[in-house]
Amino acid sequence: MPQGRELPDDAARRAAIRAAPSGSVVVVDETALLATSAVAAHAGEALRSGRTAWRALPGDVALLAGAGDDEAAVRRLVAGWAGQDEEAVARRARTILRDELGASLRPEMWSLVLEHRRAGHHVVLTGHAPRPVLAPLAEDLGADELVATQVEVRDGVVTGEVAGPVLLDGRATADALAGRRLAFVYAGPGADALLALGERPVVVSETAGRDGRPGLVVAPRGGTLATPGDVLRTAGFYGALLGAAGTAAAVGLARRSRRQMVDLTCSVTGDLGLALAGIDVEVRGAEHLWSARPCVFVFNHQSKIDVALLMKLLRGGFTGVAKAEAAQIPLWGAMFKLAGVAFVDRGNTRQAREALEPAVRKLRDEGWSLAIAPEGTRSPTPRLGRFKKGAFHIALQAGVPMVPIVIHDAGEVMWRGHQTLRGGTVHVDVLPPIDTSDWSAETLTQHVEDVRERFVAVLEGAR
């Protein structure tokens, strides 16, 4: 491409993706998908947990300070797994994705990968990080193949050795993919050898390149430390919450109505709190929020801000279900208790069933609606998690409709694991109510899958 030519816009890029034949091979390197080092994230977790060997300590401290993610860092990480069960390493990788790496995912790349998947392309995730580190990310991304640094395992136990080369800087990765026709390659600026293999190489960076290659300029992801603006937004939000709670308490006491107190808090916090945080909410299908009450509202859960979004959307006349640990969250736990939220111990089936009985009575006898995240917990990536059956049992027992609320971009205004808010726009699709009158216990599994597929269709479809 001649130097100085304008980078293709998003519409043109997506048109090129759709025009490529089904089965085209697409390579997405971790340097394009993640804004931070996956190896550094795992080294930091080991350091905090006290598992870092003293010999690895200087190198890992330097890595966390930004000294560079090199072959030695990969080998130190794998050596620290020596003697550990392979499944334990995999579980820890899933936890680190949930608590840390999920916040560094670039939404621009995630969206393009979905476009490739819709076009029927073969998606290959590549990276120099060890395979256990990237495996949960590949799963959530829906990648068809993972090419990463291999780890030696014997009888289910990690030996601490790398099996083969460390796929660093794209050179060894290019060797692993040599001979294959690669229609698209997405990688960071340093992966020249890998980018050279692609018919359509795309350099992914936070700044525009000057080498003449097509590029994708992505928004900075920031760091783990909040900016002064984030702190001010968060302070404004919680100030509105406290002010709303105080005002609502006075009104509720005057009218002797806890329900009015909760509803007023929800309305003011949802409107004023989000406005002060610089968060806009755009809603499609808002009429469905009111057309079928009482009902069970089900929503996808990716951020702590989802609670405030529901306050704004539903206004009042509803309660919820939350995991038992939520009762201990400062301020929010007290609010949840006041609102009559049912706290469920996910590890105790009998307790969970008993905790949900008051919610069913509120729906059936008192006309309250119920808001539940059927995933059960926040998802670490934009991928929708598996749905649990609790919300569906409640709708069936209470004989009320189910209304899906599909939330987009919430993870971008409050990242997973972060306590501060960022400005931005959250998009919401409220789908038409689902009649549950013909549901039965025997058909419930199919209804769960049907509703989940509606979420997937909206989340992965082009807006």
Protein backbone atom coordinates (compact mmCIF):
# COMPACT_ATOMS: atom_id res chain seq x y z
CA MET A 1 0.00 0.00 0.00
CA PRO A 2 1.44 3.43 -0.91
CA GLN A 3 2.62 5.41 2.07
CA GLY A 4 0.22 8.13 3.19
CA ARG A 5 -2.91 6.34 2.04
CA GLU A 6 -5.79 6.72 4.52
CA LEU A 7 -6.58 3.78 6.75
CA PRO A 8 -9.80 2.01 5.77
CA ASP A 9 -12.77 2.95 7.92
CA ASP A 10 -14.74 0.43 9.92
CA ALA A 11 -17.46 -0.04 7.29
CA ALA A 12 -14.91 -0.74 4.57
CA ARG A 13 -13.00 -3.12 6.83
CA ARG A 14 -16.14 -5.08 7.63
CA ALA A 15 -17.16 -5.17 3.98
CA ALA A 16 -13.76 -6.71 3.13
CA ILE A 17 -14.29 -9.32 5.84
CA ARG A 18 -17.73 -10.25 4.51
CA ALA A 19 -16.39 -10.45 0.96
CA ALA A 20 -13.72 -13.01 1.88
CA PRO A 21 -14.73 -16.63 1.18
CA SER A 22 -16.01 -18.87 3.95
CA GLY A 23 -13.17 -20.87 5.43
CA SER A 24 -10.60 -18.08 5.01
CA VAL A 25 -7.90 -18.32 7.68
CA VAL A 26 -7.71 -15.36 10.07
CA VAL A 27 -4.82 -14.96 12.52
CA VAL A 28 -5.32 -12.81 15.63
CA ASP A 29 -2.19 -12.35 17.72
CA GLU A 30 -2.41 -11.63 21.44
CA THR A 31 -0.57 -8.33 20.79
CA ALA A 32 -3.61 -7.20 18.78
CA LEU A 33 -6.24 -8.50 21.18
CA LEU A 34 -4.76 -7.46 24.53
CA ALA A 35 -3.52 -4.04 25.59
CA THR A 36 -1.36 -5.52 28.36
CA SER A 37 0.96 -8.49 28.70
CA ALA A 38 -0.74 -11.76 29.62
CA VAL A 39 2.61 -13.10 30.87
CA ALA A 40 3.02 -10.08 33.16
CA ALA A 41 -0.52 -10.55 34.51
CA HIS A 42 0.28 -14.15 35.50
CA ALA A 43 3.68 -13.20 36.92
CA GLY A 44 2.01 -10.51 39.01
CA GLU A 45 -0.56 -12.96 40.36
CA ALA A 46 2.20 -15.40 41.33
CA LEU A 47 4.12 -12.61 43.04
CA ARG A 48 1.08 -11.50 45.05
CA SER A 49 0.33 -15.09 46.03
CA GLY A 50 3.85 -15.76 47.24
CA ARG A 51 4.56 -18.49 44.66
CA THR A 52 7.44 -16.68 42.92
CA ALA A 53 10.80 -18.38 43.43
CA TRP A 54 13.49 -16.08 44.82
CA ARG A 55 15.62 -16.58 41.68
CA ALA A 56 12.74 -15.32 39.51
CA LEU A 57 11.96 -12.36 41.77
CA PRO A 58 14.22 -9.69 40.17
CA GLY A 59 13.13 -10.56 36.64
CA ASP A 60 9.42 -10.62 37.48
CA VAL A 61 9.59 -7.33 39.39
CA ALA A 62 11.31 -5.78 36.36
CA LEU A 63 8.62 -7.29 34.08
CA LEU A 64 5.85 -5.75 36.15
CA ALA A 65 7.69 -2.43 36.06
CA GLY A 66 7.55 -2.52 32.26
CA ALA A 67 11.05 -3.82 31.47
CA GLY A 68 9.77 -6.01 28.64
CA ASP A 69 7.97 -9.28 28.04
CA ASP A 70 10.71 -11.53 26.64
CA GLU A 71 11.55 -15.21 26.27
CA ALA A 72 13.11 -15.31 29.73
CA ALA A 73 9.82 -14.05 31.25
CA VAL A 74 7.87 -16.86 29.57
CA ARG A 75 10.33 -19.49 30.75
CA ARG A 76 10.27 -18.11 34.32
CA LEU A 77 6.49 -18.28 34.35
CA VAL A 78 6.43 -21.89 33.14
CA ALA A 79 9.20 -22.88 35.57
CA GLY A 80 7.04 -21.56 38.42
CA TRP A 81 4.36 -24.11 37.49
CA ALA A 82 6.70 -27.08 38.03
CA GLY A 83 4.97 -29.88 39.94
CA GLN A 84 1.53 -28.27 39.70
CA ASP A 85 -1.53 -30.08 38.45
CA GLU A 86 -2.42 -29.08 34.88
CA GLU A 87 -6.05 -28.49 35.86
CA ALA A 88 -5.04 -26.18 38.72
CA VAL A 89 -2.98 -24.05 36.32
CA ALA A 90 -5.95 -23.90 33.93
CA ARG A 91 -8.33 -22.81 36.71
CA ARG A 92 -5.93 -20.07 37.77
CA ALA A 93 -5.70 -18.85 34.16
CA ARG A 94 -9.49 -18.56 34.02
CA THR A 95 -9.47 -16.58 37.28
CA ILE A 96 -6.79 -14.17 36.03
CA LEU A 97 -8.75 -13.63 32.81
CA ARG A 98 -11.81 -12.86 34.91
CA ASP A 99 -10.13 -10.55 37.40
CA GLU A 100 -7.47 -8.80 35.34
CA LEU A 101 -6.97 -9.59 31.66
CA GLY A 102 -10.63 -9.11 30.79
CA ALA A 103 -10.18 -5.37 31.34
CA SER A 104 -7.37 -5.22 28.76
CA LEU A 105 -9.36 -6.81 25.92
CA ARG A 106 -9.66 -4.46 22.98
CA PRO A 107 -13.36 -4.22 22.05
CA GLU A 108 -12.52 -3.15 18.51
CA MET A 109 -10.70 -6.43 17.89
CA TRP A 110 -13.32 -8.50 19.67
CA SER A 111 -15.98 -7.03 17.37
CA LEU A 112 -13.93 -7.75 14.24
CA VAL A 113 -13.40 -11.36 15.29
CA LEU A 114 -17.17 -11.73 15.64
CA GLU A 115 -17.50 -10.37 12.10
CA HIS A 116 -15.05 -13.02 10.88
CA ARG A 117 -16.95 -15.74 12.69
CA ARG A 118 -20.23 -14.61 11.12
CA ALA A 119 -18.53 -14.82 7.73
CA GLY A 120 -17.57 -18.45 8.42
CA HIS A 121 -13.83 -17.82 8.67
CA HIS A 122 -11.32 -20.05 10.48
CA VAL A 123 -10.01 -17.97 13.42
CA VAL A 124 -6.55 -18.76 14.81
CA LEU A 125 -5.47 -17.09 18.06
CA THR A 126 -1.69 -16.87 18.33
CA GLY A 127 0.65 -15.67 21.03
CA HIS A 128 3.97 -16.10 22.78
CA ALA A 129 2.30 -16.62 26.16
CA PRO A 130 2.10 -20.24 27.35
CA ARG A 131 -0.86 -22.19 26.04
CA PRO A 132 -2.61 -22.48 29.46
CA VAL A 133 -2.58 -18.68 29.72
CA LEU A 134 -4.28 -18.12 26.35
CA ALA A 135 -6.60 -21.16 26.34
CA PRO A 136 -9.50 -19.54 28.26
CA LEU A 137 -9.23 -16.45 26.06
CA ALA A 138 -9.35 -18.59 22.92
CA GLU A 139 -12.42 -20.37 24.27
CA ASP A 140 -14.28 -17.15 24.99
CA LEU A 141 -13.24 -15.65 21.67
CA GLY A 142 -14.63 -18.69 19.86
CA ALA A 143 -11.29 -19.30 18.13
CA ASP A 144 -11.07 -22.45 16.04
CA GLU A 145 -7.39 -22.95 16.76
CA LEU A 146 -4.77 -21.82 19.28
CA VAL A 147 -1.08 -21.54 18.36
CA ALA A 148 0.91 -20.65 21.50
CA THR A 149 4.04 -21.58 23.41
CA GLN A 150 3.67 -25.21 24.43
CA VAL A 151 4.17 -26.43 27.99
CA GLU A 152 5.51 -29.85 28.88
CA VAL A 153 3.05 -31.98 30.88
CA ARG A 154 3.60 -35.51 32.20
CA ASP A 155 0.77 -37.52 33.74
CA GLY A 156 -1.29 -34.36 34.18
CA VAL A 157 1.51 -32.49 36.00
CA VAL A 158 3.42 -29.52 34.57
CA THR A 159 7.17 -30.19 34.50
CA GLY A 160 8.17 -26.53 34.44
CA GLU A 161 9.74 -26.80 30.97
CA VAL A 162 8.71 -25.23 27.67
CA ALA A 163 8.03 -27.82 24.96
CA GLY A 164 9.51 -26.37 21.77
CA PRO A 165 10.27 -22.74 20.97
CA VAL A 166 8.84 -19.68 22.70
CA LEU A 167 6.73 -18.02 20.01
CA LEU A 168 8.14 -14.55 20.54
CA ASP A 169 7.88 -11.43 18.34
CA GLY A 170 5.93 -13.29 15.67
CA ARG A 171 9.01 -15.03 14.22
CA ALA A 172 8.46 -18.48 15.71
CA THR A 173 4.70 -18.05 15.25
CA ALA A 174 5.30 -17.32 11.57
CA ASP A 175 7.36 -20.52 11.37
CA ALA A 176 4.50 -22.48 12.98
CA LEU A 177 2.05 -21.12 10.39
CA ALA A 178 4.38 -21.29 7.38
CA GLY A 179 2.85 -22.86 4.31
CA ARG A 180 -0.71 -21.85 5.16
CA ARG A 181 -2.61 -19.24 3.21
CA LEU A 182 -3.53 -16.53 5.70
CA ALA A 183 -6.22 -14.18 4.43
CA PHE A 184 -6.07 -11.78 7.41
CA VAL A 185 -3.41 -11.23 10.06
CA TYR A 186 -3.94 -8.87 13.03
CA ALA A 187 -0.91 -8.17 15.22
CA GLY A 188 0.93 -5.45 17.09
CA PRO A 189 3.63 -3.29 15.47
CA GLY A 190 6.48 -5.59 16.57
CA ALA A 191 5.24 -8.76 14.89
CA ASP A 192 6.67 -8.04 11.42
CA ALA A 193 7.42 -11.66 10.52
CA LEU A 194 3.88 -12.73 11.33
CA LEU A 195 2.28 -9.75 9.59
CA ALA A 196 4.31 -10.49 6.45
CA LEU A 197 2.48 -13.81 6.05
CA GLY A 198 -0.94 -12.21 5.70
CA GLU A 199 -2.60 -11.27 2.44
CA ARG A 200 -4.27 -8.48 4.42
CA PRO A 201 -1.92 -7.60 7.29
CA VAL A 202 -3.42 -5.22 9.83
CA VAL A 203 -1.20 -3.51 12.42
CA VAL A 204 -3.18 -2.92 15.61
CA SER A 205 -1.95 -0.03 17.70
CA GLU A 206 -3.07 2.88 19.85
CA THR A 207 -1.33 5.26 17.45
CA ALA A 208 -1.41 5.51 13.65
CA GLY A 209 1.54 3.83 11.95
CA ARG A 210 3.79 5.40 9.33
CA ASP A 211 4.99 2.34 7.44
CA GLY A 212 2.20 2.34 4.86
CA ARG A 213 0.57 -0.90 6.03
CA PRO A 214 -3.18 -0.95 6.73
CA GLY A 215 -3.72 -0.30 10.40
CA LEU A 216 -6.38 -0.41 13.07
CA VAL A 217 -6.07 2.39 15.60
CA VAL A 218 -7.63 1.29 18.89
CA ALA A 219 -8.58 3.29 21.95
CA PRO A 220 -6.11 3.26 24.85
CA ARG A 221 -7.15 0.89 27.62
CA GLY A 222 -5.46 2.85 30.39
CA GLY A 223 -3.81 1.24 33.37
CA THR A 224 -4.85 -0.34 36.61
CA LEU A 225 -4.69 3.04 38.35
CA ALA A 226 -7.70 5.30 37.98
CA THR A 227 -7.31 8.71 36.36
CA PRO A 228 -8.39 11.85 38.26
CA GLY A 229 -11.40 12.04 35.94
CA ASP A 230 -12.40 8.48 36.81
CA VAL A 231 -12.17 9.29 40.51
CA LEU A 232 -14.37 12.36 40.09
CA ARG A 233 -16.95 10.43 38.07
CA THR A 234 -17.06 7.70 40.70
CA ALA A 235 -17.34 10.23 43.53
CA GLY A 236 -20.22 11.92 41.70
CA PHE A 237 -22.01 8.61 41.25
CA TYR A 238 -21.73 7.54 44.89
CA GLY A 239 -22.56 11.04 46.06
CA ALA A 240 -25.80 10.82 44.10
CA LEU A 241 -26.47 7.36 45.56
CA LEU A 242 -26.00 8.57 49.14
CA GLY A 243 -28.02 11.71 48.51
CA ALA A 244 -30.82 9.73 46.91
CA ALA A 245 -30.84 7.22 49.76
CA GLY A 246 -31.01 9.99 52.37
CA THR A 247 -33.83 11.83 50.61
CA ALA A 248 -35.72 8.61 49.95
CA ALA A 249 -35.34 7.55 53.58
CA ALA A 250 -37.02 10.77 54.72
CA VAL A 251 -39.86 10.29 52.23
CA GLY A 252 -40.23 6.64 53.14
CA LEU A 253 -40.38 7.38 56.86
CA ALA A 254 -42.92 10.15 56.32
CA ARG A 255 -45.12 7.85 54.26
CA ARG A 256 -44.22 4.69 56.21
CA SER A 257 -43.41 2.94 52.95
CA ARG A 258 -40.18 1.06 52.42
CA ARG A 259 -41.22 0.39 48.84
CA GLN A 260 -41.46 4.09 48.01
CA MET A 261 -38.08 4.66 49.64
CA VAL A 262 -36.45 1.96 47.50
CA ASP A 263 -38.17 3.07 44.28
CA LEU A 264 -37.16 6.70 44.77
CA THR A 265 -33.55 5.69 45.45
CA CYS A 266 -33.50 3.61 42.28
CA SER A 267 -34.88 6.39 40.10
CA VAL A 268 -32.62 9.16 41.39
CA THR A 269 -29.47 7.01 41.44
CA GLY A 270 -30.13 5.66 37.96
CA ASP A 271 -30.68 9.10 36.46
CA LEU A 272 -28.50 11.51 38.45
CA GLY A 273 -25.75 9.06 39.43
CA LEU A 274 -25.07 7.87 35.89
CA ALA A 275 -25.28 11.44 34.55
CA LEU A 276 -22.66 12.64 37.05
CA ALA A 277 -20.47 9.70 36.07
CA GLY A 278 -20.65 10.77 32.42
CA ILE A 279 -22.46 7.59 31.39
CA ASP A 280 -25.22 7.81 28.77
CA VAL A 281 -27.73 5.02 28.23
CA GLU A 282 -29.35 4.44 24.85
CA VAL A 283 -32.30 2.04 24.89
CA ARG A 284 -34.09 0.24 22.10
CA GLY A 285 -37.38 -1.46 22.91
CA ALA A 286 -38.01 0.61 26.06
CA GLU A 287 -41.74 -0.08 25.79
CA HIS A 288 -41.08 -3.71 26.77
CA LEU A 289 -39.86 -2.57 30.19
CA TRP A 290 -43.47 -1.85 31.16
CA SER A 291 -45.74 -3.90 28.94
CA ALA A 292 -45.65 -7.21 30.82
CA ARG A 293 -45.19 -6.44 34.53
CA PRO A 294 -45.02 -8.28 36.82
CA CYS A 295 -42.38 -10.32 35.07
CA VAL A 296 -38.90 -11.79 35.40
CA PHE A 297 -36.28 -9.52 33.83
CA VAL A 298 -33.15 -11.42 32.78
CA PHE A 299 -29.97 -9.54 31.85
CA ASN A 300 -26.42 -10.35 30.83
CA HIS A 301 -23.94 -9.42 33.55
CA GLN A 302 -20.47 -8.02 32.83
CA SER A 303 -19.96 -5.08 35.18
CA LYS A 304 -20.76 -3.81 38.65
CA ILE A 305 -22.46 -0.86 36.96
CA ASP A 306 -25.22 -3.22 35.76
CA VAL A 307 -27.08 -2.64 39.05
CA ALA A 308 -27.24 1.12 38.44
CA LEU A 309 -28.30 0.51 34.84
CA LEU A 310 -31.21 -1.62 36.05
CA MET A 311 -32.18 1.13 38.50
CA LYS A 312 -32.40 3.58 35.61
CA LEU A 313 -34.23 1.19 33.31
CA LEU A 314 -36.73 -0.38 35.73
CA ARG A 315 -37.24 2.65 38.03
CA GLY A 316 -39.04 0.73 40.75
CA GLY A 317 -41.46 -2.04 41.51
CA PHE A 318 -38.79 -4.71 41.32
CA THR A 319 -36.34 -6.64 43.44
CA GLY A 320 -33.56 -9.03 42.58
CA VAL A 321 -31.51 -12.12 43.28
CA ALA A 322 -27.80 -11.92 44.12
CA LYS A 323 -25.03 -14.23 45.28
CA ALA A 324 -24.66 -14.45 49.05
CA GLU A 325 -21.33 -12.56 48.99
CA ALA A 326 -23.08 -9.45 47.64
CA ALA A 327 -24.66 -8.88 51.06
CA GLN A 328 -21.20 -7.94 52.37
CA ILE A 329 -20.41 -5.27 49.74
CA PRO A 330 -20.15 -1.87 51.46
CA LEU A 331 -23.21 0.31 50.85
CA TRP A 332 -24.59 -1.89 48.09
CA GLY A 333 -25.18 -4.78 50.50
CA ALA A 334 -27.32 -2.59 52.73
CA MET A 335 -29.22 -1.30 49.71
CA PHE A 336 -29.84 -4.84 48.50
CA LYS A 337 -31.18 -5.92 51.89
CA LEU A 338 -33.46 -2.89 52.05
CA ALA A 339 -34.80 -3.69 48.58
CA GLY A 340 -35.65 -7.26 49.59
CA VAL A 341 -33.04 -8.90 47.37
CA ALA A 342 -32.85 -12.68 47.77
CA PHE A 343 -29.30 -13.77 48.61
CA VAL A 344 -28.42 -17.19 47.24
CA ASP A 345 -25.57 -19.46 48.26
CA ARG A 346 -24.60 -20.92 44.90
CA GLY A 347 -22.96 -23.93 46.55
CA ASN A 348 -26.07 -24.88 48.53
CA THR A 349 -28.96 -26.02 46.32
CA ARG A 350 -31.43 -26.40 49.18
CA GLN A 351 -30.64 -22.94 50.59
CA ALA A 352 -30.91 -21.41 47.12
CA ARG A 353 -34.37 -22.93 46.63
CA GLU A 354 -35.55 -21.65 50.00
CA ALA A 355 -34.12 -18.16 49.37
CA LEU A 356 -36.03 -17.89 46.10
CA GLU A 357 -39.44 -18.76 47.58
CA PRO A 358 -40.08 -15.18 48.86
CA ALA A 359 -39.21 -13.87 45.40
CA VAL A 360 -41.79 -16.13 43.82
CA ARG A 361 -44.40 -14.91 46.32
CA LYS A 362 -43.57 -11.27 45.55
CA LEU A 363 -44.11 -11.94 41.87
CA ARG A 364 -47.27 -13.97 42.23
CA ASP A 365 -48.99 -12.31 45.16
CA GLU A 366 -47.63 -8.75 45.42
CA GLY A 367 -47.08 -7.81 41.77
CA TRP A 368 -43.35 -7.10 42.07
CA SER A 369 -41.06 -7.88 39.16
CA LEU A 370 -37.76 -9.68 39.58
CA ALA A 371 -34.37 -8.94 37.95
CA ILE A 372 -31.88 -11.82 37.66
CA ALA A 373 -28.60 -12.41 35.81
CA PRO A 374 -28.98 -16.02 34.61
CA GLU A 375 -25.21 -16.32 34.12
CA GLY A 376 -24.94 -16.20 37.91
CA THR A 377 -21.83 -14.01 37.92
CA ARG A 378 -20.13 -11.35 35.84
CA SER A 379 -18.50 -12.62 32.65
CA PRO A 380 -14.81 -11.74 32.15
CA THR A 381 -15.18 -11.08 28.41
CA PRO A 382 -18.03 -9.97 26.15
CA ARG A 383 -18.86 -13.63 25.56
CA LEU A 384 -22.16 -14.67 27.14
CA GLY A 385 -21.80 -17.30 29.85
CA ARG A 386 -23.88 -20.40 30.39
CA PHE A 387 -27.38 -19.72 31.76
CA LYS A 388 -28.53 -21.28 35.02
CA LYS A 389 -32.14 -22.34 35.46
CA GLY A 390 -33.10 -20.37 38.59
CA ALA A 391 -34.76 -17.43 36.80
CA PHE A 392 -36.64 -19.83 34.55
CA HIS A 393 -37.97 -21.89 37.46
CA ILE A 394 -39.22 -18.68 39.07
CA ALA A 395 -41.02 -17.51 35.91
CA LEU A 396 -42.57 -20.96 35.56
CA GLN A 397 -43.72 -21.18 39.19
CA ALA A 398 -45.06 -17.62 39.30
CA GLY A 399 -46.71 -17.89 35.89
CA VAL A 400 -45.29 -14.56 34.66
CA PRO A 401 -43.60 -13.52 31.39
CA MET A 402 -39.84 -13.22 30.97
CA VAL A 403 -38.30 -10.04 29.51
CA PRO A 404 -34.69 -10.19 28.23
CA ILE A 405 -32.52 -7.07 28.74
CA VAL A 406 -29.40 -7.20 26.55
CA ILE A 407 -26.67 -4.84 27.80
CA HIS A 408 -23.81 -3.79 25.52
CA ASP A 409 -20.60 -1.98 26.51
CA ALA A 410 -21.13 -1.98 30.31
CA GLY A 411 -17.68 -3.51 30.72
CA GLU A 412 -16.23 -0.45 28.98
CA VAL A 413 -17.52 2.04 31.55
CA MET A 414 -16.57 -0.10 34.55
CA TRP A 415 -14.02 -2.79 33.84
CA ARG A 416 -14.04 -6.11 35.58
CA GLY A 417 -12.09 -5.88 38.84
CA HIS A 418 -12.06 -2.07 38.84
CA GLN A 419 -13.80 0.15 41.36
CA THR A 420 -13.93 3.37 39.34
CA LEU A 421 -16.20 4.51 36.50
CA ARG A 422 -15.27 5.77 33.05
CA GLY A 423 -17.39 8.00 30.84
CA GLY A 424 -19.10 6.47 27.82
CA THR A 425 -22.32 5.19 26.32
CA VAL A 426 -24.03 1.95 27.24
CA HIS A 427 -26.44 0.52 24.68
CA VAL A 428 -29.38 -1.60 25.81
CA ASP A 429 -31.80 -3.75 23.81
CA VAL A 430 -35.00 -4.74 25.61
CA LEU A 431 -36.55 -7.69 23.78
CA PRO A 432 -40.29 -8.44 23.62
CA PRO A 433 -41.79 -10.35 26.56
CA ILE A 434 -41.66 -14.13 26.34
CA ASP A 435 -44.88 -15.95 27.21
CA THR A 436 -44.18 -18.72 29.73
CA SER A 437 -47.73 -20.08 29.98
CA ASP A 438 -46.85 -23.22 28.00
CA TRP A 439 -43.60 -23.92 29.86
CA SER A 440 -43.20 -27.05 31.95
CA ALA A 441 -40.49 -28.57 34.08
CA GLU A 442 -39.87 -31.13 31.33
CA THR A 443 -39.27 -28.47 28.65
CA LEU A 444 -37.37 -25.98 30.80
CA THR A 445 -33.91 -26.89 29.49
CA GLN A 446 -34.98 -26.05 25.95
CA HIS A 447 -36.48 -22.73 27.06
CA VAL A 448 -33.20 -21.81 28.77
CA GLU A 449 -31.31 -22.44 25.54
CA ASP A 450 -33.90 -20.58 23.44
CA VAL A 451 -33.66 -17.46 25.61
CA ARG A 452 -29.87 -17.60 25.67
CA GLU A 453 -29.81 -17.81 21.88
CA ARG A 454 -31.86 -14.61 21.72
CA PHE A 455 -29.19 -12.88 23.78
CA VAL A 456 -26.40 -14.28 21.60
CA ALA A 457 -28.15 -13.17 18.41
CA VAL A 458 -28.39 -9.58 19.67
CA LEU A 459 -24.95 -9.42 21.31
CA GLU A 460 -23.13 -10.84 18.28
CA GLY A 461 -25.29 -9.18 15.63
CA ALA A 462 -24.31 -5.90 14.02
CA ARG A 463 -25.85 -2.91 15.76
